[in-house]
Amino acid sequence: MIDIIGYILIIIGILFDIFGCIGLVRFPDVYNRLQASTKCVTLGTFLLLIGVALVCGWSALSMKAIICAVFILITSPTAAHAIAKGAYASGVELWENSVVDKYAEEIDHH
């Protein structure tokens, strides 16, 4: 039963990773691409690694998968935020149809 759950998590993780890659190619600007790739790939890779840990049982491989999953869960959103801040600070423009610019609002209030 655990193996079936593990395989289901692996399949769902792969699907999320594929959707993140499609968003990376399809979205119009760096900020939208960053959002798609970070959210989908973080969740997808996390689910994939947890699925691998479940399928492998209690072993060194499953412990490594869990450690990697926690590492990705912490570092991926942090890196995406740093990249977005750096892109905005260096003057990368938003897509012309963007509705909200929270960074500009934050700068205007200071």
N, C-alpha and C. Protein backbone atom coordinates (compact mmCIF):
# COMPACT_ATOMS: atom_id res chain seq x y z
N MET A 1 0.82 -1.20 0.00
CA MET A 1 0.00 0.00 0.00
C MET A 1 0.87 1.26 0.00
N ILE A 2 1.94 1.23 0.78
CA ILE A 2 2.84 2.38 0.84
C ILE A 2 3.48 2.60 -0.54
N ASP A 3 3.81 1.50 -1.23
CA ASP A 3 4.41 1.62 -2.56
C ASP A 3 3.47 2.33 -3.52
N ILE A 4 2.19 2.00 -3.45
CA ILE A 4 1.21 2.62 -4.34
C ILE A 4 1.12 4.12 -4.07
N ILE A 5 1.08 4.49 -2.80
CA ILE A 5 1.06 5.92 -2.43
C ILE A 5 2.33 6.60 -2.92
N GLY A 6 3.46 5.94 -2.75
CA GLY A 6 4.72 6.49 -3.23
C GLY A 6 4.73 6.71 -4.73
N TYR A 7 4.24 5.73 -5.49
CA TYR A 7 4.19 5.88 -6.94
C TYR A 7 3.22 6.98 -7.36
N ILE A 8 2.11 7.12 -6.65
CA ILE A 8 1.15 8.19 -6.95
C ILE A 8 1.81 9.56 -6.70
N LEU A 9 2.54 9.69 -5.59
CA LEU A 9 3.23 10.94 -5.31
C LEU A 9 4.29 11.24 -6.37
N ILE A 10 4.99 10.22 -6.83
CA ILE A 10 6.00 10.41 -7.87
C ILE A 10 5.34 10.90 -9.16
N ILE A 11 4.23 10.32 -9.53
CA ILE A 11 3.53 10.73 -10.76
C ILE A 11 3.01 12.16 -10.63
N ILE A 12 2.41 12.50 -9.49
CA ILE A 12 1.92 13.86 -9.27
C ILE A 12 3.10 14.84 -9.28
N GLY A 13 4.20 14.47 -8.68
CA GLY A 13 5.39 15.33 -8.68
C GLY A 13 5.92 15.57 -10.07
N ILE A 14 5.97 14.54 -10.89
CA ILE A 14 6.43 14.69 -12.27
C ILE A 14 5.48 15.61 -13.05
N LEU A 15 4.17 15.47 -12.83
CA LEU A 15 3.21 16.34 -13.51
C LEU A 15 3.41 17.80 -13.11
N PHE A 16 3.62 18.06 -11.82
CA PHE A 16 3.88 19.43 -11.37
C PHE A 16 5.16 19.96 -12.00
N ASP A 17 6.19 19.14 -12.07
CA ASP A 17 7.44 19.57 -12.70
C ASP A 17 7.23 19.89 -14.17
N ILE A 18 6.44 19.09 -14.87
CA ILE A 18 6.15 19.36 -16.27
C ILE A 18 5.38 20.67 -16.42
N PHE A 19 4.39 20.90 -15.57
CA PHE A 19 3.63 22.15 -15.63
C PHE A 19 4.53 23.36 -15.36
N GLY A 20 5.45 23.21 -14.42
CA GLY A 20 6.40 24.29 -14.15
C GLY A 20 7.29 24.59 -15.34
N CYS A 21 7.72 23.55 -16.03
CA CYS A 21 8.55 23.74 -17.24
C CYS A 21 7.76 24.39 -18.36
N ILE A 22 6.50 24.01 -18.51
CA ILE A 22 5.65 24.64 -19.53
C ILE A 22 5.46 26.12 -19.19
N GLY A 23 5.21 26.42 -17.92
CA GLY A 23 5.08 27.82 -17.51
C GLY A 23 6.36 28.61 -17.73
N LEU A 24 7.48 27.98 -17.54
CA LEU A 24 8.77 28.63 -17.76
C LEU A 24 8.94 29.04 -19.22
N VAL A 25 8.43 28.25 -20.12
CA VAL A 25 8.54 28.54 -21.55
C VAL A 25 7.43 29.50 -22.01
N ARG A 26 6.24 29.36 -21.47
CA ARG A 26 5.07 30.06 -22.00
C ARG A 26 4.84 31.46 -21.43
N PHE A 27 5.23 31.72 -20.20
CA PHE A 27 4.88 33.00 -19.58
C PHE A 27 5.72 34.14 -20.14
N PRO A 28 5.17 35.38 -20.10
CA PRO A 28 5.76 36.48 -20.86
C PRO A 28 6.98 37.17 -20.25
N ASP A 29 7.10 37.24 -18.94
CA ASP A 29 8.24 37.97 -18.38
C ASP A 29 8.92 37.17 -17.28
N VAL A 30 10.02 37.69 -16.80
CA VAL A 30 10.84 36.96 -15.84
C VAL A 30 10.08 36.69 -14.53
N TYR A 31 9.24 37.61 -14.12
CA TYR A 31 8.53 37.46 -12.86
C TYR A 31 7.47 36.36 -12.93
N ASN A 32 6.72 36.32 -14.01
CA ASN A 32 5.74 35.25 -14.20
C ASN A 32 6.41 33.90 -14.35
N ARG A 33 7.50 33.87 -15.10
CA ARG A 33 8.25 32.62 -15.27
C ARG A 33 8.81 32.13 -13.95
N LEU A 34 9.30 33.06 -13.16
CA LEU A 34 9.85 32.69 -11.87
C LEU A 34 8.78 32.13 -10.94
N GLN A 35 7.60 32.73 -11.00
CA GLN A 35 6.49 32.25 -10.17
C GLN A 35 6.08 30.84 -10.58
N ALA A 36 5.95 30.62 -11.88
CA ALA A 36 5.53 29.30 -12.37
C ALA A 36 6.56 28.24 -12.03
N SER A 37 7.79 28.54 -12.31
CA SER A 37 8.82 27.52 -12.09
C SER A 37 9.02 27.25 -10.61
N THR A 38 8.98 28.28 -9.78
CA THR A 38 9.23 28.08 -8.36
C THR A 38 8.11 27.30 -7.69
N LYS A 39 6.90 27.72 -7.89
CA LYS A 39 5.79 27.06 -7.20
C LYS A 39 5.60 25.62 -7.68
N CYS A 40 5.55 25.43 -8.97
CA CYS A 40 5.32 24.08 -9.49
C CYS A 40 6.49 23.16 -9.24
N VAL A 41 7.68 23.63 -9.52
CA VAL A 41 8.83 22.75 -9.39
C VAL A 41 9.15 22.46 -7.93
N THR A 42 8.94 23.43 -7.04
CA THR A 42 9.16 23.16 -5.62
C THR A 42 8.22 22.08 -5.13
N LEU A 43 6.93 22.23 -5.40
CA LEU A 43 5.97 21.23 -4.97
C LEU A 43 6.19 19.91 -5.69
N GLY A 44 6.45 19.97 -6.99
CA GLY A 44 6.66 18.75 -7.77
C GLY A 44 7.87 17.97 -7.31
N THR A 45 8.99 18.64 -7.13
CA THR A 45 10.20 17.95 -6.69
C THR A 45 10.04 17.45 -5.26
N PHE A 46 9.38 18.21 -4.41
CA PHE A 46 9.12 17.76 -3.05
C PHE A 46 8.30 16.48 -3.05
N LEU A 47 7.20 16.45 -3.81
CA LEU A 47 6.36 15.25 -3.87
C LEU A 47 7.13 14.07 -4.47
N LEU A 48 7.92 14.34 -5.49
CA LEU A 48 8.70 13.29 -6.13
C LEU A 48 9.68 12.66 -5.13
N LEU A 49 10.37 13.49 -4.38
CA LEU A 49 11.34 12.97 -3.40
C LEU A 49 10.66 12.24 -2.25
N ILE A 50 9.53 12.72 -1.80
CA ILE A 50 8.79 12.03 -0.74
C ILE A 50 8.28 10.69 -1.27
N GLY A 51 7.82 10.66 -2.52
CA GLY A 51 7.40 9.40 -3.13
C GLY A 51 8.54 8.41 -3.22
N VAL A 52 9.72 8.88 -3.59
CA VAL A 52 10.90 8.00 -3.64
C VAL A 52 11.21 7.46 -2.24
N ALA A 53 11.11 8.32 -1.24
CA ALA A 53 11.37 7.87 0.13
C ALA A 53 10.38 6.79 0.57
N LEU A 54 9.12 6.95 0.18
CA LEU A 54 8.12 5.94 0.54
C LEU A 54 8.35 4.62 -0.17
N VAL A 55 8.72 4.69 -1.44
CA VAL A 55 8.93 3.47 -2.22
C VAL A 55 10.17 2.72 -1.73
N CYS A 56 11.20 3.45 -1.34
CA CYS A 56 12.46 2.81 -0.92
C CYS A 56 12.40 2.24 0.49
N GLY A 57 11.41 2.64 1.26
CA GLY A 57 11.33 2.14 2.63
C GLY A 57 12.34 2.84 3.53
N TRP A 58 12.60 2.23 4.66
CA TRP A 58 13.50 2.82 5.64
C TRP A 58 14.94 2.47 5.25
N SER A 59 15.60 3.39 4.54
CA SER A 59 16.96 3.13 4.09
C SER A 59 17.73 4.44 4.02
N ALA A 60 19.00 4.33 3.68
CA ALA A 60 19.82 5.53 3.53
C ALA A 60 19.33 6.38 2.37
N LEU A 61 18.86 5.75 1.31
CA LEU A 61 18.34 6.48 0.17
C LEU A 61 17.12 7.31 0.54
N SER A 62 16.21 6.75 1.34
CA SER A 62 15.02 7.50 1.73
C SER A 62 15.38 8.67 2.64
N MET A 63 16.38 8.48 3.50
CA MET A 63 16.81 9.59 4.35
C MET A 63 17.41 10.72 3.51
N LYS A 64 18.20 10.36 2.50
CA LYS A 64 18.76 11.37 1.60
C LYS A 64 17.66 12.09 0.83
N ALA A 65 16.65 11.35 0.40
CA ALA A 65 15.53 11.97 -0.33
C ALA A 65 14.78 12.95 0.56
N ILE A 66 14.56 12.58 1.81
CA ILE A 66 13.86 13.48 2.74
C ILE A 66 14.69 14.72 3.03
N ILE A 67 15.99 14.55 3.22
CA ILE A 67 16.87 15.70 3.46
C ILE A 67 16.86 16.63 2.25
N CYS A 68 16.94 16.07 1.05
CA CYS A 68 16.89 16.88 -0.17
C CYS A 68 15.54 17.59 -0.31
N ALA A 69 14.46 16.91 0.04
CA ALA A 69 13.13 17.51 -0.05
C ALA A 69 13.01 18.72 0.88
N VAL A 70 13.49 18.58 2.10
CA VAL A 70 13.45 19.70 3.05
C VAL A 70 14.34 20.84 2.55
N PHE A 71 15.50 20.50 2.03
CA PHE A 71 16.41 21.52 1.50
C PHE A 71 15.75 22.30 0.36
N ILE A 72 15.10 21.61 -0.57
CA ILE A 72 14.44 22.27 -1.69
C ILE A 72 13.26 23.10 -1.20
N LEU A 73 12.52 22.60 -0.23
CA LEU A 73 11.38 23.32 0.32
C LEU A 73 11.79 24.64 0.95
N ILE A 74 12.98 24.68 1.52
CA ILE A 74 13.46 25.90 2.17
C ILE A 74 14.16 26.84 1.17
N THR A 75 15.04 26.29 0.35
CA THR A 75 15.89 27.15 -0.48
C THR A 75 15.23 27.65 -1.76
N SER A 76 14.34 26.90 -2.36
CA SER A 76 13.77 27.31 -3.64
C SER A 76 12.95 28.60 -3.54
N PRO A 77 12.02 28.73 -2.60
CA PRO A 77 11.30 30.00 -2.50
C PRO A 77 12.21 31.17 -2.10
N THR A 78 13.19 30.90 -1.26
CA THR A 78 14.12 31.95 -0.86
C THR A 78 14.94 32.44 -2.05
N ALA A 79 15.43 31.52 -2.85
CA ALA A 79 16.20 31.89 -4.04
C ALA A 79 15.33 32.63 -5.05
N ALA A 80 14.09 32.21 -5.23
CA ALA A 80 13.19 32.88 -6.16
C ALA A 80 12.92 34.31 -5.72
N HIS A 81 12.75 34.52 -4.43
CA HIS A 81 12.53 35.87 -3.92
C HIS A 81 13.76 36.74 -4.17
N ALA A 82 14.94 36.20 -3.93
CA ALA A 82 16.17 36.96 -4.15
C ALA A 82 16.36 37.28 -5.64
N ILE A 83 16.05 36.33 -6.51
CA ILE A 83 16.17 36.57 -7.95
C ILE A 83 15.17 37.64 -8.39
N ALA A 84 13.95 37.59 -7.90
CA ALA A 84 12.93 38.58 -8.27
C ALA A 84 13.33 39.97 -7.78
N LYS A 85 13.81 40.07 -6.55
CA LYS A 85 14.26 41.37 -6.02
C LYS A 85 15.43 41.90 -6.83
N GLY A 86 16.37 41.02 -7.16
CA GLY A 86 17.53 41.43 -7.95
C GLY A 86 17.14 41.87 -9.35
N ALA A 87 16.21 41.15 -9.97
CA ALA A 87 15.75 41.53 -11.31
C ALA A 87 15.05 42.88 -11.27
N TYR A 88 14.25 43.11 -10.26
CA TYR A 88 13.54 44.38 -10.15
C TYR A 88 14.51 45.52 -9.87
N ALA A 89 15.47 45.27 -8.98
CA ALA A 89 16.45 46.31 -8.65
C ALA A 89 17.34 46.65 -9.84
N SER A 90 17.59 45.69 -10.72
CA SER A 90 18.44 45.96 -11.88
C SER A 90 17.65 46.53 -13.06
N GLY A 91 16.35 46.71 -12.89
CA GLY A 91 15.55 47.40 -13.90
C GLY A 91 14.85 46.52 -14.91
N VAL A 92 14.71 45.24 -14.64
CA VAL A 92 13.97 44.37 -15.56
C VAL A 92 12.50 44.76 -15.50
N GLU A 93 11.94 45.08 -16.66
CA GLU A 93 10.56 45.58 -16.73
C GLU A 93 9.55 44.45 -16.54
N LEU A 94 8.40 44.83 -15.96
CA LEU A 94 7.28 43.91 -15.88
C LEU A 94 6.62 43.82 -17.25
N TRP A 95 5.84 42.78 -17.45
CA TRP A 95 5.05 42.61 -18.66
C TRP A 95 4.09 43.79 -18.76
N GLU A 96 3.83 44.29 -19.97
CA GLU A 96 3.00 45.49 -20.14
C GLU A 96 1.57 45.30 -19.65
N ASN A 97 1.07 44.08 -19.58
CA ASN A 97 -0.29 43.82 -19.09
C ASN A 97 -0.33 43.45 -17.61
N SER A 98 0.77 43.65 -16.91
CA SER A 98 0.78 43.38 -15.47
C SER A 98 -0.16 44.36 -14.77
N VAL A 99 -0.86 43.87 -13.75
CA VAL A 99 -1.87 44.67 -13.08
C VAL A 99 -1.32 45.35 -11.83
N VAL A 100 -0.49 44.64 -11.07
CA VAL A 100 -0.03 45.15 -9.79
C VAL A 100 1.49 45.13 -9.75
N ASP A 101 2.07 46.19 -9.18
CA ASP A 101 3.50 46.27 -8.95
C ASP A 101 3.72 46.58 -7.47
N LYS A 102 3.78 45.55 -6.65
CA LYS A 102 3.90 45.73 -5.19
C LYS A 102 5.23 46.34 -4.80
N TYR A 103 6.29 46.05 -5.53
CA TYR A 103 7.59 46.64 -5.21
C TYR A 103 7.56 48.15 -5.39
N ALA A 104 6.93 48.64 -6.45
CA ALA A 104 6.83 50.08 -6.68
C ALA A 104 6.00 50.72 -5.58
N GLU A 105 4.92 50.08 -5.16
CA GLU A 105 4.10 50.60 -4.07
C GLU A 105 4.91 50.68 -2.79
N GLU A 106 5.73 49.67 -2.54
CA GLU A 106 6.57 49.64 -1.34
C GLU A 106 7.59 50.76 -1.37
N ILE A 107 8.19 51.02 -2.53
CA ILE A 107 9.18 52.08 -2.66
C ILE A 107 8.52 53.45 -2.52
N ASP A 108 7.32 53.61 -3.05
CA ASP A 108 6.60 54.90 -2.97
C ASP A 108 6.24 55.26 -1.53
N HIS A 109 5.99 54.27 -0.68
CA HIS A 109 5.59 54.53 0.71
C HIS A 109 6.78 54.90 1.59
N HIS A 110 8.00 54.67 1.12
CA HIS A 110 9.18 54.95 1.95
C HIS A 110 9.72 56.29 1.64
